């Protein structure tokens, strides 16, 4: 699963990583001694686990019935 990003060159990936808001915020947190690299790594690990759990739940859930396709799209009084 995932996108191998074969269509992106190394320069584009490097430029994206330099402007990545999460990376910038992580650097800010470490520079201000708000969080350590280990703490941020733990958060990253926890988030990855939550994402994997959500994907597993979605993939193991039954497909919705066709008649449910348009349910919960609009607010109903």
N, C-alpha and C. Protein backbone atom coordinates (compact mmCIF):
# COMPACT_ATOMS: atom_id res chain seq x y z
N UNK A 1 0.84 -1.17 0.00
CA UNK A 1 0.00 0.00 0.00
C UNK A 1 0.89 1.24 0.00
N UNK A 2 0.40 2.31 -0.51
CA UNK A 2 1.15 3.56 -0.52
C UNK A 2 1.59 3.92 -1.91
N UNK A 3 2.04 5.13 -2.03
CA UNK A 3 2.46 5.68 -3.30
C UNK A 3 3.98 5.68 -3.35
N UNK A 4 4.59 4.94 -4.27
CA UNK A 4 6.05 4.91 -4.33
C UNK A 4 6.67 6.21 -4.85
N UNK A 5 5.86 7.12 -5.35
CA UNK A 5 6.30 8.42 -5.85
C UNK A 5 7.40 8.30 -6.91
N UNK A 6 7.27 7.36 -7.78
CA UNK A 6 8.25 7.19 -8.85
C UNK A 6 8.21 8.34 -9.86
N UNK A 7 7.15 9.10 -9.83
CA UNK A 7 6.99 10.17 -10.78
C UNK A 7 7.63 11.48 -10.30
N UNK A 8 8.19 11.49 -9.10
CA UNK A 8 8.82 12.69 -8.55
C UNK A 8 10.33 12.53 -8.60
N UNK A 9 11.04 13.62 -8.93
CA UNK A 9 12.49 13.54 -8.91
C UNK A 9 13.01 13.88 -7.52
N UNK A 10 14.28 13.58 -7.27
CA UNK A 10 14.85 13.76 -5.93
C UNK A 10 14.84 15.22 -5.49
N UNK A 11 15.05 16.14 -6.42
CA UNK A 11 15.05 17.56 -6.07
C UNK A 11 13.67 18.01 -5.60
N UNK A 12 12.63 17.53 -6.25
CA UNK A 12 11.28 17.89 -5.86
C UNK A 12 10.95 17.35 -4.47
N UNK A 13 11.36 16.13 -4.20
CA UNK A 13 11.11 15.54 -2.89
C UNK A 13 11.88 16.30 -1.81
N UNK A 14 13.13 16.66 -2.09
CA UNK A 14 13.93 17.42 -1.12
C UNK A 14 13.30 18.79 -0.85
N UNK A 15 12.84 19.46 -1.89
CA UNK A 15 12.21 20.76 -1.73
C UNK A 15 10.94 20.64 -0.89
N UNK A 16 10.16 19.59 -1.13
CA UNK A 16 8.94 19.39 -0.35
C UNK A 16 9.28 19.15 1.11
N UNK A 17 10.32 18.35 1.38
CA UNK A 17 10.70 18.05 2.75
C UNK A 17 11.17 19.30 3.49
N UNK A 18 11.81 20.21 2.79
CA UNK A 18 12.29 21.44 3.42
C UNK A 18 11.15 22.38 3.79
N UNK A 19 10.03 22.27 3.10
CA UNK A 19 8.89 23.15 3.37
C UNK A 19 7.73 22.41 4.03
N UNK A 20 7.97 21.17 4.45
CA UNK A 20 6.95 20.36 5.09
C UNK A 20 6.55 20.99 6.41
N UNK A 21 5.27 21.37 6.59
CA UNK A 21 4.85 22.04 7.82
C UNK A 21 5.05 21.19 9.07
N UNK A 22 4.89 19.89 8.96
CA UNK A 22 5.09 19.03 10.13
C UNK A 22 6.56 19.02 10.53
N UNK A 23 7.43 18.90 9.55
CA UNK A 23 8.86 18.93 9.84
C UNK A 23 9.30 20.27 10.42
N UNK A 24 8.76 21.35 9.87
CA UNK A 24 9.08 22.69 10.38
C UNK A 24 8.60 22.83 11.82
N UNK A 25 7.41 22.34 12.11
CA UNK A 25 6.87 22.44 13.47
C UNK A 25 7.66 21.56 14.43
N UNK A 26 8.04 20.36 13.99
CA UNK A 26 8.87 19.50 14.84
C UNK A 26 10.19 20.20 15.19
N UNK A 27 10.80 20.83 14.20
CA UNK A 27 12.06 21.54 14.44
C UNK A 27 11.84 22.68 15.44
N UNK A 28 10.74 23.41 15.30
CA UNK A 28 10.40 24.50 16.22
C UNK A 28 10.24 23.96 17.64
N UNK A 29 9.51 22.85 17.80
CA UNK A 29 9.30 22.27 19.12
C UNK A 29 10.61 21.86 19.77
N UNK A 30 11.52 21.32 18.98
CA UNK A 30 12.81 20.91 19.53
C UNK A 30 13.70 22.11 19.85
N UNK A 31 13.69 23.12 18.98
CA UNK A 31 14.50 24.32 19.22
C UNK A 31 14.05 25.06 20.48
N UNK A 32 12.76 25.06 20.76
CA UNK A 32 12.21 25.75 21.93
C UNK A 32 12.17 24.84 23.17
N UNK A 33 12.75 23.64 23.05
CA UNK A 33 12.78 22.66 24.14
C UNK A 33 11.38 22.33 24.66
N UNK A 34 10.42 22.31 23.76
CA UNK A 34 9.06 21.93 24.10
C UNK A 34 8.90 20.42 24.00
N UNK A 35 9.62 19.81 23.07
CA UNK A 35 9.58 18.37 22.88
C UNK A 35 10.95 17.89 22.42
N UNK A 36 11.24 16.65 22.75
CA UNK A 36 12.49 16.05 22.31
C UNK A 36 12.25 15.25 21.04
N UNK A 37 13.32 14.89 20.39
CA UNK A 37 13.22 14.06 19.19
C UNK A 37 12.58 12.72 19.53
N UNK A 38 12.92 12.17 20.69
CA UNK A 38 12.34 10.89 21.12
C UNK A 38 10.83 11.02 21.34
N UNK A 39 10.40 12.12 21.95
CA UNK A 39 8.96 12.33 22.17
C UNK A 39 8.22 12.46 20.85
N UNK A 40 8.79 13.21 19.93
CA UNK A 40 8.15 13.38 18.63
C UNK A 40 8.13 12.06 17.86
N UNK A 41 9.17 11.29 18.02
CA UNK A 41 9.22 9.97 17.38
C UNK A 41 8.13 9.07 17.95
N UNK A 42 7.91 9.14 19.28
CA UNK A 42 6.84 8.36 19.91
C UNK A 42 5.47 8.78 19.37
N UNK A 43 5.26 10.08 19.23
CA UNK A 43 3.99 10.57 18.69
C UNK A 43 3.80 10.05 17.27
N UNK A 44 4.86 10.11 16.47
CA UNK A 44 4.80 9.64 15.09
C UNK A 44 4.43 8.15 15.06
N UNK A 45 5.04 7.36 15.94
CA UNK A 45 4.74 5.93 16.01
C UNK A 45 3.29 5.69 16.40
N UNK A 46 2.79 6.46 17.36
CA UNK A 46 1.40 6.33 17.79
C UNK A 46 0.44 6.68 16.65
N UNK A 47 0.75 7.74 15.94
CA UNK A 47 -0.11 8.17 14.83
C UNK A 47 -0.11 7.11 13.73
N UNK A 48 1.06 6.58 13.41
CA UNK A 48 1.14 5.53 12.39
C UNK A 48 0.30 4.32 12.79
N UNK A 49 0.34 3.95 14.08
CA UNK A 49 -0.45 2.82 14.56
C UNK A 49 -1.95 3.11 14.44
N UNK A 50 -2.36 4.33 14.78
CA UNK A 50 -3.77 4.70 14.65
C UNK A 50 -4.22 4.65 13.20
N UNK A 51 -3.37 5.10 12.30
CA UNK A 51 -3.71 5.08 10.87
C UNK A 51 -3.83 3.63 10.40
N UNK A 52 -2.89 2.78 10.80
CA UNK A 52 -2.95 1.38 10.41
C UNK A 52 -4.21 0.71 10.94
N UNK A 53 -4.57 1.03 12.19
CA UNK A 53 -5.80 0.48 12.77
C UNK A 53 -7.03 0.94 11.98
N UNK A 54 -7.06 2.22 11.60
CA UNK A 54 -8.20 2.75 10.85
C UNK A 54 -8.30 2.10 9.48
N UNK A 55 -7.16 1.91 8.82
CA UNK A 55 -7.17 1.27 7.51
C UNK A 55 -7.64 -0.18 7.63
N UNK A 56 -7.13 -0.88 8.64
CA UNK A 56 -7.54 -2.26 8.86
C UNK A 56 -9.04 -2.35 9.12
N UNK A 57 -9.56 -1.42 9.94
CA UNK A 57 -11.00 -1.39 10.21
C UNK A 57 -11.79 -1.16 8.92
N UNK A 58 -11.34 -0.19 8.13
CA UNK A 58 -12.05 0.12 6.90
C UNK A 58 -12.03 -1.05 5.93
N UNK A 59 -10.85 -1.68 5.81
CA UNK A 59 -10.73 -2.78 4.85
C UNK A 59 -11.50 -4.03 5.31
N UNK A 60 -11.66 -4.20 6.62
CA UNK A 60 -12.37 -5.38 7.11
C UNK A 60 -13.87 -5.14 7.27
N UNK A 61 -14.30 -3.90 7.11
CA UNK A 61 -15.72 -3.58 7.23
C UNK A 61 -16.47 -4.02 5.97
N UNK A 62 -17.73 -4.41 6.12
CA UNK A 62 -18.49 -4.81 4.94
C UNK A 62 -18.78 -3.60 4.04
N UNK A 63 -18.92 -3.89 2.77
CA UNK A 63 -19.26 -2.84 1.81
C UNK A 63 -20.67 -2.34 2.12
N UNK A 64 -20.91 -1.03 1.99
CA UNK A 64 -22.27 -0.52 2.22
C UNK A 64 -23.21 -0.98 1.11
N UNK A 65 -24.48 -1.00 1.45
CA UNK A 65 -25.49 -1.37 0.46
C UNK A 65 -25.65 -0.21 -0.52
N UNK A 66 -25.96 -0.50 -1.77
CA UNK A 66 -26.12 0.57 -2.76
C UNK A 66 -27.15 1.62 -2.35
N UNK A 67 -28.21 1.20 -1.66
CA UNK A 67 -29.25 2.16 -1.27
C UNK A 67 -28.75 3.11 -0.18
N UNK A 68 -27.63 2.82 0.44
CA UNK A 68 -27.06 3.70 1.46
C UNK A 68 -26.12 4.76 0.88
N UNK A 69 -25.95 4.74 -0.42
CA UNK A 69 -24.99 5.61 -1.09
C UNK A 69 -25.19 7.09 -0.77
N UNK A 70 -26.42 7.54 -0.72
CA UNK A 70 -26.69 8.96 -0.52
C UNK A 70 -27.13 9.30 0.90
N UNK A 71 -26.93 8.38 1.84
CA UNK A 71 -27.28 8.66 3.23
C UNK A 71 -26.17 9.48 3.89
N UNK A 72 -26.57 10.32 4.82
CA UNK A 72 -25.65 11.11 5.63
C UNK A 72 -24.82 12.11 4.80
N UNK A 73 -25.39 12.56 3.71
CA UNK A 73 -24.73 13.57 2.90
C UNK A 73 -25.25 14.96 3.27
N UNK A 74 -26.55 15.06 3.48
CA UNK A 74 -27.18 16.32 3.82
C UNK A 74 -27.74 16.26 5.24
N UNK A 75 -27.86 17.39 5.87
CA UNK A 75 -28.47 17.45 7.19
C UNK A 75 -29.97 17.28 7.02
N UNK A 76 -30.50 16.36 7.78
CA UNK A 76 -31.93 16.11 7.73
C UNK A 76 -32.57 16.65 8.98
N UNK A 77 -33.69 17.36 8.84
CA UNK A 77 -34.40 17.91 10.00
C UNK A 77 -35.09 16.83 10.78
